[in-house]
Amino acid sequence: MRKGRPREFDVEQALEQALQVFWRKGYEGTSLPDLTAAMGINRPSLYAAFGNKEALFRRAVERYVAGPAAFVRQALAEPTARAVAERLLHGSADLLTRPGQPPGCLVVQGALACGKEADPIRQELAARRAAAQTALRKRLQRARTEGDLPTDADPADLARYLTAVMHGMAVQAVGGASRAELRRVAELALRVWPPDPANPVA
């Protein structure tokens, strides 16, 4: 049986370059020539390694979630509800304005407005955002059960609030907001966070 020729490029490095292009231009704004130029490969190599543009984008999103945006998942392991909120908001400010990478959030802005052909991508990113909000709500429900949030605090509303602030920060970052400005937004958002029932003065 004839063996295929070994790939002459680093797949992970090529995927990282594709992520950067999608992050900067969005799904629909990214063309195949954009991708092949950034990845340093031709179309046949791209198709052989990753499938089509949609499959490559999905791989890039997985890389983004596991890498630059990993703080979102890690925040849920913080010991208190307030620590969860702090890590999410401060982590967002840092990610959205990190030197050397595109501003904004790939999962928020990667496919907000798409044509019909790109609708599956738009729906997938919307589903990812919804899943993240659901995971946050469940973490805050646990916090309320454990007495870490007041009994009258609504975990669903708090999860929606944090998500809305983080998404708004992403839009601000694309518009040129600095890390210092976004960190001030984070601090303002935390001022209305419910007090710890065990230590309401803190």
Protein backbone atom coordinates (compact mmCIF):
# COMPACT_ATOMS: atom_id res chain seq x y z
CA MET A 1 0.00 0.00 0.00
CA ARG A 2 1.38 3.36 -1.01
CA LYS A 3 2.19 5.69 1.84
CA GLY A 4 1.19 9.33 1.64
CA ARG A 5 3.89 11.94 1.52
CA PRO A 6 4.74 13.40 4.94
CA ARG A 7 3.49 16.91 5.56
CA GLU A 8 6.15 19.54 5.04
CA PHE A 9 4.76 22.00 7.58
CA ASP A 10 4.04 22.17 11.29
CA VAL A 11 0.30 21.58 11.69
CA GLU A 12 0.10 23.23 15.10
CA GLN A 13 1.98 26.29 13.94
CA ALA A 14 -0.23 26.56 10.87
CA LEU A 15 -3.33 26.26 13.05
CA GLU A 16 -2.04 29.04 15.30
CA GLN A 17 -1.60 31.29 12.28
CA ALA A 18 -5.12 30.47 11.10
CA LEU A 19 -6.45 31.32 14.56
CA GLN A 20 -4.80 34.74 14.41
CA VAL A 21 -6.38 35.48 11.02
CA PHE A 22 -9.87 34.37 12.08
CA TRP A 23 -9.52 36.31 15.34
CA ARG A 24 -8.59 39.48 13.49
CA LYS A 25 -10.99 39.25 10.53
CA GLY A 26 -13.84 37.03 11.70
CA TYR A 27 -15.09 33.93 9.92
CA GLU A 28 -16.75 35.51 6.93
CA GLY A 29 -14.13 38.24 6.56
CA THR A 30 -11.37 35.65 6.22
CA SER A 31 -10.67 34.32 2.73
CA LEU A 32 -8.82 31.18 1.73
CA PRO A 33 -5.96 33.27 0.29
CA ASP A 34 -5.73 35.03 3.68
CA LEU A 35 -5.39 31.66 5.36
CA THR A 36 -2.93 30.05 2.98
CA ALA A 37 -0.72 33.15 3.04
CA ALA A 38 -0.67 33.28 6.84
CA MET A 39 -0.21 29.53 7.23
CA GLY A 40 2.49 29.30 4.55
CA ILE A 41 0.77 26.45 2.73
CA ASN A 42 -1.24 25.94 -0.47
CA ARG A 43 -4.90 25.05 -0.73
CA PRO A 44 -4.40 21.31 -1.28
CA SER A 45 -2.28 21.14 1.88
CA LEU A 46 -4.90 23.09 3.83
CA TYR A 47 -7.67 20.78 2.68
CA ALA A 48 -5.60 17.66 3.36
CA ALA A 49 -4.69 18.72 6.89
CA PHE A 50 -7.84 20.51 8.05
CA GLY A 51 -10.68 19.89 5.62
CA ASN A 52 -12.52 23.00 4.45
CA LYS A 53 -12.58 26.55 5.85
CA GLU A 54 -15.44 25.73 8.24
CA ALA A 55 -13.59 22.74 9.71
CA LEU A 56 -10.44 24.82 10.08
CA PHE A 57 -12.38 27.55 11.90
CA ARG A 58 -13.83 25.01 14.33
CA ARG A 59 -10.31 23.75 15.06
CA ALA A 60 -9.16 27.34 15.58
CA VAL A 61 -12.00 27.99 18.04
CA GLU A 62 -11.05 24.88 20.01
CA ARG A 63 -7.48 26.15 20.18
CA TYR A 64 -8.68 29.58 21.30
CA VAL A 65 -10.90 28.19 24.07
CA ALA A 66 -8.18 25.86 25.35
CA GLY A 67 -5.45 28.49 25.09
CA PRO A 68 -5.99 32.26 25.26
CA ALA A 69 -9.50 31.96 26.73
CA ALA A 70 -8.74 29.13 29.17
CA PHE A 71 -9.17 31.54 32.09
CA VAL A 72 -12.96 31.37 31.57
CA ARG A 73 -13.02 27.68 32.48
CA GLN A 74 -10.41 28.12 35.19
CA ALA A 75 -12.41 30.90 36.84
CA LEU A 76 -15.19 28.47 37.72
CA ALA A 77 -12.77 26.66 40.04
CA GLU A 78 -12.19 29.75 42.17
CA PRO A 79 -13.24 29.21 45.82
CA THR A 80 -15.80 32.02 46.08
CA ALA A 81 -18.40 33.58 43.82
CA ARG A 82 -16.67 36.95 44.02
CA ALA A 83 -13.34 35.38 43.08
CA VAL A 84 -15.06 33.79 40.08
CA ALA A 85 -16.39 37.19 39.00
CA GLU A 86 -13.05 38.91 39.56
CA ARG A 87 -11.11 36.36 37.53
CA LEU A 88 -13.60 36.48 34.68
CA LEU A 89 -13.63 40.28 34.45
CA HIS A 90 -9.93 40.88 35.00
CA GLY A 91 -9.05 37.95 32.75
CA SER A 92 -11.23 39.43 30.02
CA ALA A 93 -9.54 42.82 30.30
CA ASP A 94 -6.14 41.14 29.97
CA LEU A 95 -7.06 38.81 27.10
CA LEU A 96 -8.83 41.48 25.07
CA THR A 97 -5.86 43.85 25.16
CA ARG A 98 -2.86 41.50 25.17
CA PRO A 99 0.03 42.92 23.12
CA GLY A 100 0.81 41.04 19.96
CA GLN A 101 -2.63 39.52 19.47
CA PRO A 102 -5.87 40.82 17.91
CA PRO A 103 -8.22 42.79 20.18
CA GLY A 104 -11.65 41.45 21.02
CA CYS A 105 -12.97 37.92 21.51
CA LEU A 106 -13.14 35.30 18.76
CA VAL A 107 -16.15 33.53 20.30
CA VAL A 108 -18.08 36.79 20.73
CA GLN A 109 -17.24 38.52 17.47
CA GLY A 110 -16.09 35.74 15.15
CA ALA A 111 -19.46 35.38 13.43
CA LEU A 112 -22.01 37.83 14.81
CA ALA A 113 -23.29 38.77 11.37
CA CYS A 114 -22.98 36.17 8.64
CA GLY A 115 -24.58 35.21 5.38
CA LYS A 116 -26.65 32.09 4.98
CA GLU A 117 -23.71 29.82 4.17
CA ALA A 118 -21.94 30.76 7.39
CA ASP A 119 -25.01 30.38 9.58
CA PRO A 120 -23.83 27.05 11.09
CA ILE A 121 -20.73 28.85 12.40
CA ARG A 122 -22.82 31.68 13.84
CA GLN A 123 -25.06 29.14 15.56
CA GLU A 124 -22.10 27.21 16.96
CA LEU A 125 -20.53 30.30 18.49
CA ALA A 126 -23.90 31.32 19.93
CA ALA A 127 -24.21 27.84 21.45
CA ARG A 128 -20.72 28.13 22.95
CA ARG A 129 -21.59 31.46 24.53
CA ALA A 130 -24.83 30.02 25.92
CA ALA A 131 -23.00 26.98 27.31
CA ALA A 132 -20.46 29.21 29.05
CA GLN A 133 -23.24 31.25 30.62
CA THR A 134 -25.00 28.07 31.76
CA ALA A 135 -21.82 26.77 33.38
CA LEU A 136 -21.41 30.10 35.17
CA ARG A 137 -25.02 30.01 36.37
CA LYS A 138 -24.54 26.52 37.80
CA ARG A 139 -21.38 27.62 39.60
CA LEU A 140 -23.24 30.56 41.14
CA GLN A 141 -26.15 28.33 42.11
CA ARG A 142 -23.67 26.20 44.02
CA ALA A 143 -22.26 29.32 45.66
CA ARG A 144 -25.72 30.32 46.86
CA THR A 145 -26.39 26.81 48.17
CA GLU A 146 -23.10 26.91 50.06
CA GLY A 147 -23.94 30.28 51.60
CA ASP A 148 -21.39 32.16 49.53
CA LEU A 149 -24.10 34.33 47.94
CA PRO A 150 -27.15 35.89 49.62
CA THR A 151 -30.31 33.79 49.37
CA ASP A 152 -32.03 36.54 47.38
CA ALA A 153 -29.27 36.62 44.74
CA ASP A 154 -30.38 35.22 41.38
CA PRO A 155 -27.61 33.08 39.83
CA ALA A 156 -29.15 33.34 36.36
CA ASP A 157 -29.27 37.13 36.51
CA LEU A 158 -25.73 37.34 37.85
CA ALA A 159 -24.43 35.01 35.12
CA ARG A 160 -26.21 37.07 32.48
CA TYR A 161 -24.82 40.27 34.00
CA LEU A 162 -21.22 39.05 33.99
CA THR A 163 -21.58 37.71 30.46
CA ALA A 164 -23.03 41.01 29.21
CA VAL A 165 -20.19 43.00 30.77
CA MET A 166 -17.54 40.68 29.31
CA HIS A 167 -19.10 40.83 25.85
CA GLY A 168 -19.35 44.60 26.07
CA MET A 169 -15.69 44.78 27.02
CA ALA A 170 -14.87 42.77 23.90
CA VAL A 171 -16.64 45.31 21.71
CA GLN A 172 -14.87 48.16 23.52
CA ALA A 173 -11.50 46.49 22.97
CA VAL A 174 -12.05 46.29 19.23
CA GLY A 175 -12.89 49.99 19.34
CA GLY A 176 -9.53 50.74 20.91
CA ALA A 177 -10.18 50.65 24.68
CA SER A 178 -6.99 50.12 26.68
CA ARG A 179 -6.36 47.48 29.34
CA ALA A 180 -6.49 50.16 32.04
CA GLU A 181 -9.87 51.36 30.78
CA LEU A 182 -11.30 47.84 30.68
CA ARG A 183 -9.96 47.10 34.16
CA ARG A 184 -11.84 50.18 35.41
CA VAL A 185 -14.98 48.77 33.80
CA ALA A 186 -14.32 45.49 35.64
CA GLU A 187 -13.94 47.28 38.97
CA LEU A 188 -17.16 49.23 38.44
CA ALA A 189 -18.98 46.00 37.60
CA LEU A 190 -17.71 44.39 40.81
CA ARG A 191 -19.05 47.23 42.94
CA VAL A 192 -22.58 45.92 42.52
CA TRP A 193 -21.64 42.29 43.22
CA PRO A 194 -23.66 40.85 46.13
CA PRO A 195 -21.80 40.84 49.46
CA ASP A 196 -20.56 37.63 51.05
CA PRO A 197 -23.20 36.74 53.68
CA ALA A 198 -20.43 35.60 56.03
CA ASN A 199 -18.53 38.87 55.65
CA PRO A 200 -20.89 41.56 54.31
CA VAL A 201 -18.54 44.45 55.06
CA ALA A 202 -15.71 43.11 52.86
